Amino acid sequence: MEGTCNTPRSSDRTRKMNKPVVNSDLQAAELAQLRQQVQAFLVHFAGSKIAHG
């Protein structure tokens, strides 16, 4: 009987530990990083173009 009493608690703990990772969060973070890099390149090249005429 003890095994059946602990099973619901064990499965509840397992569900809490095994939460799925949402891919959209990872994609949003990567997209934000890429946009930041593009912005940095644009600023760099715009400054370079002005400096070199």
N, C-alpha and C. Protein backbone atom coordinates (compact mmCIF):
# COMPACT_ATOMS: atom_id res chain seq x y z
N MET A 1 0.82 -1.20 0.00
CA MET A 1 0.00 0.00 0.00
C MET A 1 0.87 1.26 0.00
N GLU A 2 2.05 1.22 0.61
CA GLU A 2 2.89 2.41 0.69
C GLU A 2 3.34 2.86 -0.70
N GLY A 3 3.60 1.92 -1.60
CA GLY A 3 4.03 2.27 -2.94
C GLY A 3 2.96 3.06 -3.69
N THR A 4 1.71 2.71 -3.51
CA THR A 4 0.65 3.43 -4.20
C THR A 4 0.42 4.81 -3.61
N CYS A 5 0.69 5.00 -2.32
CA CYS A 5 0.52 6.32 -1.70
C CYS A 5 1.60 7.29 -2.17
N ASN A 6 2.80 6.80 -2.40
CA ASN A 6 3.90 7.65 -2.82
C ASN A 6 3.88 7.95 -4.31
N THR A 7 3.21 7.12 -5.10
CA THR A 7 3.21 7.29 -6.54
C THR A 7 2.68 8.66 -6.98
N PRO A 8 1.54 9.13 -6.45
CA PRO A 8 1.07 10.46 -6.88
C PRO A 8 2.06 11.57 -6.55
N ARG A 9 2.69 11.50 -5.40
CA ARG A 9 3.67 12.52 -5.04
C ARG A 9 4.88 12.46 -5.96
N SER A 10 5.31 11.25 -6.27
CA SER A 10 6.47 11.07 -7.15
C SER A 10 6.16 11.60 -8.55
N SER A 11 4.99 11.30 -9.06
CA SER A 11 4.66 11.76 -10.41
C SER A 11 4.48 13.27 -10.44
N ASP A 12 3.99 13.85 -9.36
CA ASP A 12 3.85 15.31 -9.28
C ASP A 12 5.23 15.96 -9.30
N ARG A 13 6.17 15.41 -8.55
CA ARG A 13 7.55 15.94 -8.55
C ARG A 13 8.18 15.82 -9.93
N THR A 14 7.94 14.69 -10.58
CA THR A 14 8.51 14.47 -11.91
C THR A 14 7.96 15.49 -12.90
N ARG A 15 6.67 15.75 -12.84
CA ARG A 15 6.07 16.75 -13.74
C ARG A 15 6.69 18.12 -13.51
N LYS A 16 6.94 18.48 -12.27
CA LYS A 16 7.51 19.79 -11.98
C LYS A 16 8.95 19.90 -12.47
N MET A 17 9.69 18.81 -12.43
CA MET A 17 11.09 18.82 -12.85
C MET A 17 11.22 18.78 -14.37
N ASN A 18 10.30 18.16 -15.05
CA ASN A 18 10.41 17.93 -16.48
C ASN A 18 9.53 18.88 -17.28
N LYS A 19 9.65 20.17 -17.03
CA LYS A 19 8.88 21.14 -17.79
C LYS A 19 9.53 21.31 -19.15
N PRO A 20 8.74 21.32 -20.22
CA PRO A 20 9.31 21.47 -21.56
C PRO A 20 9.87 22.87 -21.77
N VAL A 21 10.92 22.94 -22.58
CA VAL A 21 11.51 24.23 -22.95
C VAL A 21 10.74 24.75 -24.15
N VAL A 22 10.31 25.97 -24.09
CA VAL A 22 9.54 26.55 -25.18
C VAL A 22 10.52 27.10 -26.22
N ASN A 23 10.43 26.56 -27.42
CA ASN A 23 11.36 26.95 -28.47
C ASN A 23 11.20 28.41 -28.86
N SER A 24 10.00 28.95 -28.76
CA SER A 24 9.80 30.33 -29.17
C SER A 24 10.61 31.28 -28.30
N ASP A 25 10.81 30.95 -27.03
CA ASP A 25 11.65 31.79 -26.17
C ASP A 25 13.09 31.78 -26.66
N LEU A 26 13.57 30.63 -27.04
CA LEU A 26 14.94 30.52 -27.54
C LEU A 26 15.08 31.25 -28.87
N GLN A 27 14.08 31.12 -29.72
CA GLN A 27 14.12 31.79 -31.01
C GLN A 27 14.04 33.30 -30.84
N ALA A 28 13.21 33.75 -29.91
CA ALA A 28 13.08 35.19 -29.67
C ALA A 28 14.39 35.77 -29.15
N ALA A 29 15.06 35.04 -28.27
CA ALA A 29 16.34 35.50 -27.74
C ALA A 29 17.39 35.56 -28.84
N GLU A 30 17.42 34.54 -29.68
CA GLU A 30 18.39 34.52 -30.78
C GLU A 30 18.10 35.64 -31.78
N LEU A 31 16.83 35.85 -32.06
CA LEU A 31 16.45 36.92 -32.99
C LEU A 31 16.83 38.29 -32.44
N ALA A 32 16.62 38.49 -31.15
CA ALA A 32 17.01 39.77 -30.53
C ALA A 32 18.51 39.97 -30.62
N GLN A 33 19.28 38.91 -30.40
CA GLN A 33 20.73 39.00 -30.47
C GLN A 33 21.17 39.33 -31.90
N LEU A 34 20.56 38.68 -32.88
CA LEU A 34 20.92 38.95 -34.27
C LEU A 34 20.56 40.38 -34.68
N ARG A 35 19.42 40.85 -34.22
CA ARG A 35 19.03 42.24 -34.53
C ARG A 35 20.02 43.22 -33.91
N GLN A 36 20.48 42.92 -32.72
CA GLN A 36 21.46 43.78 -32.06
C GLN A 36 22.77 43.79 -32.85
N GLN A 37 23.18 42.64 -33.34
CA GLN A 37 24.40 42.56 -34.13
C GLN A 37 24.26 43.34 -35.44
N VAL A 38 23.11 43.23 -36.09
CA VAL A 38 22.88 43.97 -37.33
C VAL A 38 22.94 45.46 -37.05
N GLN A 39 22.30 45.89 -35.98
CA GLN A 39 22.32 47.31 -35.62
C GLN A 39 23.75 47.79 -35.38
N ALA A 40 24.55 46.98 -34.70
CA ALA A 40 25.94 47.35 -34.42
C ALA A 40 26.73 47.46 -35.73
N PHE A 41 26.52 46.54 -36.67
CA PHE A 41 27.20 46.62 -37.97
C PHE A 41 26.77 47.87 -38.73
N LEU A 42 25.48 48.17 -38.71
CA LEU A 42 25.00 49.35 -39.42
C LEU A 42 25.61 50.62 -38.85
N VAL A 43 25.70 50.71 -37.55
CA VAL A 43 26.31 51.88 -36.91
C VAL A 43 27.78 51.96 -37.28
N HIS A 44 28.46 50.83 -37.25
CA HIS A 44 29.89 50.80 -37.57
C HIS A 44 30.14 51.22 -39.01
N PHE A 45 29.39 50.64 -39.95
CA PHE A 45 29.61 50.94 -41.36
C PHE A 45 29.15 52.34 -41.72
N ALA A 46 28.11 52.83 -41.08
CA ALA A 46 27.68 54.21 -41.33
C ALA A 46 28.76 55.17 -40.87
N GLY A 47 29.36 54.92 -39.72
CA GLY A 47 30.45 55.74 -39.22
C GLY A 47 31.67 55.63 -40.11
N SER A 48 31.92 54.46 -40.63
CA SER A 48 33.07 54.24 -41.50
C SER A 48 32.88 54.99 -42.83
N LYS A 49 31.69 54.98 -43.34
CA LYS A 49 31.40 55.66 -44.61
C LYS A 49 31.56 57.16 -44.47
N ILE A 50 31.12 57.70 -43.34
CA ILE A 50 31.24 59.15 -43.09
C ILE A 50 32.70 59.53 -42.93
N ALA A 51 33.46 58.72 -42.22
CA ALA A 51 34.87 59.00 -41.96
C ALA A 51 35.71 58.96 -43.24
N HIS A 52 35.35 58.05 -44.14
CA HIS A 52 36.14 57.86 -45.37
C HIS A 52 35.58 58.63 -46.56
N GLY A 53 34.51 59.36 -46.36
CA GLY A 53 33.99 60.23 -47.40
C GLY A 53 33.13 59.53 -48.34
